[in-house]
Amino acid sequence: MRSYPWHLTATAFAFLTLAGPAAAQSQPTATDLRLGLVGQWSGALGYRDYQTDQLFEIPVTTTITTPGDGATQVRQSLFDDGPGKPVWITTVSLDDRATGTSTSASFRAGTTPELSTGTVRVAAFTDATRWTLIYSETGEDDDQPADIRVTETRDGDTLLEVKEVRPIGADDTAWRFRNQTRLTRTGD
């Protein structure tokens, strides 16, 4: 068996020790992945009607920008709710990398702005254009207190966001589909 000088062995050990955490850090944060969505998108918003339990879809185009601060995302979405019924919703989100939270304010003409804060985590990661994020918060659904979960999955130039709700404190079998947004990248 060949022996190596102690300083070479110590150097190799130090390198491997340092490379381990560095390799683990190569996965981007949820914020990094969200900021990679900058561009033009189009698709449809699908929602469940509570009275009929049917899925309805309306066309949507979305522009995602960032001011470049590494934490803020702005989404401007135009929903086509029928002839002469354009609906603009602008959402500004600010991520806190240290706590893994995202605070969003949504604005729509004729309604009170909505403010929410929830956690966001990377649930799956393959590369910068193939990943899944999960957002979780406590809020309201159908005027009732609810746990809210949004699963956002990017697969190349497609993005799917699925919102599910359940009564606060209910078990995992209580999650119910609320709405989804299917988008395809159309430009930078």
Protein backbone atom coordinates (compact mmCIF):
# COMPACT_ATOMS: atom_id res chain seq x y z
CA MET A 1 0.00 0.00 0.00
CA ARG A 2 1.34 3.36 -0.98
CA SER A 3 1.40 6.12 1.60
CA TYR A 4 1.13 9.81 0.84
CA PRO A 5 2.67 12.70 2.69
CA TRP A 6 0.34 13.97 5.43
CA HIS A 7 0.03 17.44 3.87
CA LEU A 8 -1.29 15.98 0.60
CA THR A 9 -3.78 13.83 2.48
CA ALA A 10 -4.87 16.83 4.57
CA THR A 11 -5.22 18.96 1.42
CA ALA A 12 -7.35 16.29 -0.27
CA PHE A 13 -9.49 15.97 2.88
CA ALA A 14 -9.96 19.74 3.06
CA PHE A 15 -10.92 19.86 -0.63
CA LEU A 16 -13.48 17.08 -0.26
CA THR A 17 -14.87 18.63 2.90
CA LEU A 18 -15.29 22.00 1.20
CA ALA A 19 -16.58 20.53 -2.06
CA GLY A 20 -19.39 18.68 -0.26
CA PRO A 21 -21.25 21.79 0.94
CA ALA A 22 -20.39 23.63 -2.28
CA ALA A 23 -21.98 20.86 -4.32
CA ALA A 24 -25.09 20.96 -2.14
CA GLN A 25 -25.29 24.72 -2.69
CA SER A 26 -25.35 24.30 -6.48
CA GLN A 27 -29.15 23.88 -6.39
CA PRO A 28 -30.67 27.34 -6.84
CA THR A 29 -33.04 28.84 -4.30
CA ALA A 30 -36.75 29.23 -5.02
CA THR A 31 -36.07 32.94 -5.57
CA ASP A 32 -33.41 32.22 -8.20
CA LEU A 33 -35.82 29.93 -10.07
CA ARG A 34 -38.70 32.43 -9.86
CA LEU A 35 -36.51 35.22 -11.22
CA GLY A 36 -35.69 32.97 -14.20
CA LEU A 37 -39.32 33.31 -15.34
CA VAL A 38 -38.78 36.82 -16.73
CA GLY A 39 -40.40 37.09 -20.15
CA GLN A 40 -43.69 36.89 -22.06
CA TRP A 41 -46.13 34.02 -21.44
CA SER A 42 -49.60 33.10 -22.67
CA GLY A 43 -52.12 30.40 -21.88
CA ALA A 44 -55.26 29.95 -19.81
CA LEU A 45 -56.59 30.32 -16.29
CA GLY A 46 -58.75 27.36 -15.33
CA TYR A 47 -60.97 27.53 -12.27
CA ARG A 48 -63.50 25.32 -10.54
CA ASP A 49 -66.98 26.75 -10.25
CA TYR A 50 -68.24 25.91 -6.76
CA GLN A 51 -71.89 25.64 -7.82
CA THR A 52 -71.41 23.31 -10.80
CA ASP A 53 -67.98 21.80 -9.92
CA GLN A 54 -66.97 22.33 -13.58
CA LEU A 55 -63.65 23.60 -14.88
CA PHE A 56 -63.86 26.86 -16.82
CA GLU A 57 -60.93 28.39 -18.71
CA ILE A 58 -60.25 31.92 -19.89
CA PRO A 59 -57.27 33.11 -21.98
CA VAL A 60 -54.45 34.97 -20.24
CA THR A 61 -51.25 36.69 -21.30
CA THR A 62 -48.61 37.46 -18.67
CA THR A 63 -45.48 39.57 -18.63
CA ILE A 64 -42.99 38.79 -15.86
CA THR A 65 -40.28 41.32 -15.00
CA THR A 66 -37.83 42.05 -12.21
CA PRO A 67 -36.18 45.35 -11.28
CA GLY A 68 -32.92 43.45 -10.88
CA ASP A 69 -32.67 43.52 -7.08
CA GLY A 70 -32.52 39.72 -6.80
CA ALA A 71 -35.71 39.53 -4.75
CA THR A 72 -38.64 41.19 -6.56
CA GLN A 73 -40.86 39.82 -9.32
CA VAL A 74 -43.65 41.73 -11.09
CA ARG A 75 -46.39 39.86 -12.99
CA GLN A 76 -48.82 41.76 -15.18
CA SER A 77 -51.60 39.52 -16.47
CA LEU A 78 -54.40 40.30 -18.90
CA PHE A 79 -57.35 37.92 -18.63
CA ASP A 80 -59.90 37.81 -21.46
CA ASP A 81 -63.22 37.49 -19.66
CA GLY A 82 -65.26 37.96 -22.83
CA PRO A 83 -65.85 40.72 -25.39
CA GLY A 84 -65.07 44.10 -23.90
CA LYS A 85 -64.18 42.57 -20.51
CA PRO A 86 -60.40 42.71 -20.15
CA VAL A 87 -59.22 42.10 -16.59
CA TRP A 88 -55.74 43.28 -15.58
CA ILE A 89 -54.13 41.87 -12.44
CA THR A 90 -50.70 43.08 -11.37
CA THR A 91 -48.88 41.13 -8.66
CA VAL A 92 -45.67 42.31 -7.03
CA SER A 93 -43.79 39.67 -5.01
CA LEU A 94 -40.84 40.22 -2.70
CA ASP A 95 -38.88 37.15 -1.59
CA ASP A 96 -36.97 36.89 1.67
CA ARG A 97 -34.18 34.41 0.99
CA ALA A 98 -33.26 34.13 4.68
CA THR A 99 -36.72 32.98 5.79
CA GLY A 100 -37.88 31.23 2.60
CA THR A 101 -40.97 33.42 2.39
CA SER A 102 -42.57 35.43 -0.37
CA THR A 103 -44.87 38.40 0.23
CA SER A 104 -47.20 39.36 -2.61
CA ALA A 105 -49.53 42.26 -3.25
CA SER A 106 -52.09 41.84 -6.05
CA PHE A 107 -53.90 44.75 -7.65
CA ARG A 108 -57.03 44.69 -9.80
CA ALA A 109 -59.12 47.73 -10.72
CA GLY A 110 -62.35 47.90 -8.73
CA THR A 111 -61.19 45.58 -5.94
CA THR A 112 -59.27 45.93 -2.71
CA PRO A 113 -55.60 45.00 -3.08
CA GLU A 114 -54.75 41.56 -1.69
CA LEU A 115 -51.69 41.03 0.50
CA SER A 116 -50.34 37.60 1.40
CA THR A 117 -47.19 36.02 2.82
CA GLY A 118 -46.30 32.37 2.55
CA THR A 119 -43.39 30.00 2.46
CA VAL A 120 -41.88 28.82 -0.81
CA ARG A 121 -39.58 25.85 -1.26
CA VAL A 122 -37.94 23.90 -4.05
CA ALA A 123 -39.71 20.52 -4.24
CA ALA A 124 -37.86 19.22 -7.31
CA PHE A 125 -34.97 20.48 -9.40
CA THR A 126 -33.39 19.16 -12.60
CA ASP A 127 -32.04 22.37 -14.11
CA ALA A 128 -32.90 26.07 -14.47
CA THR A 129 -35.90 25.30 -16.71
CA ARG A 130 -37.16 22.09 -15.08
CA TRP A 131 -38.27 22.38 -11.49
CA THR A 132 -41.19 22.44 -9.03
CA LEU A 133 -41.83 24.99 -6.29
CA ILE A 134 -44.44 24.72 -3.54
CA TYR A 135 -45.97 27.80 -1.92
CA SER A 136 -47.88 27.40 1.35
CA GLU A 137 -49.90 29.91 3.34
CA THR A 138 -52.94 30.34 5.52
CA GLY A 139 -55.66 32.54 4.07
CA GLU A 140 -59.27 32.38 2.91
CA ASP A 141 -61.12 30.42 0.27
CA ASP A 142 -64.81 30.97 -0.44
CA ASP A 143 -64.85 33.37 2.57
CA GLN A 144 -63.65 30.61 4.93
CA PRO A 145 -60.25 30.22 6.66
CA ALA A 146 -58.13 27.82 4.62
CA ASP A 147 -54.71 26.33 4.08
CA ILE A 148 -53.56 27.24 0.58
CA ARG A 149 -50.97 25.38 -1.48
CA VAL A 150 -49.75 26.37 -4.93
CA THR A 151 -47.57 23.95 -6.87
CA GLU A 152 -45.66 25.70 -9.66
CA THR A 153 -43.96 23.40 -12.19
CA ARG A 154 -41.74 24.58 -15.01
CA ASP A 155 -40.88 22.19 -17.82
CA GLY A 156 -38.83 24.08 -20.39
CA ASP A 157 -41.05 26.73 -21.96
CA THR A 158 -44.21 25.62 -20.12
CA LEU A 159 -45.34 26.64 -16.66
CA LEU A 160 -48.22 25.13 -14.68
CA GLU A 161 -49.47 26.58 -11.39
CA VAL A 162 -52.07 24.54 -9.50
CA LYS A 163 -53.81 26.04 -6.46
CA GLU A 164 -55.33 23.70 -3.88
CA VAL A 165 -57.20 24.54 -0.67
CA ARG A 166 -58.36 22.74 2.45
CA PRO A 167 -60.00 23.77 5.73
CA ILE A 168 -57.42 24.82 8.31
CA GLY A 169 -56.08 21.84 10.23
CA ALA A 170 -57.65 19.19 7.96
CA ASP A 171 -55.57 16.20 6.91
CA ASP A 172 -53.93 15.73 3.50
CA THR A 173 -56.99 14.00 2.04
CA ALA A 174 -58.92 17.28 2.31
CA TRP A 175 -56.92 19.16 -0.37
CA ARG A 176 -59.22 20.29 -3.22
CA PHE A 177 -58.39 21.81 -6.59
CA ARG A 178 -59.25 25.51 -6.79
CA ASN A 179 -57.65 26.82 -10.00
CA GLN A 180 -54.72 26.49 -12.35
CA THR A 181 -52.77 28.63 -14.77
CA ARG A 182 -51.18 26.99 -17.82
CA LEU A 183 -48.62 29.17 -19.58
CA THR A 184 -46.22 28.82 -22.50
CA ARG A 185 -43.25 31.16 -22.97
CA THR A 186 -43.81 33.33 -26.05
CA GLY A 187 -40.80 35.67 -25.79
CA ASP A 188 -38.15 37.33 -23.67
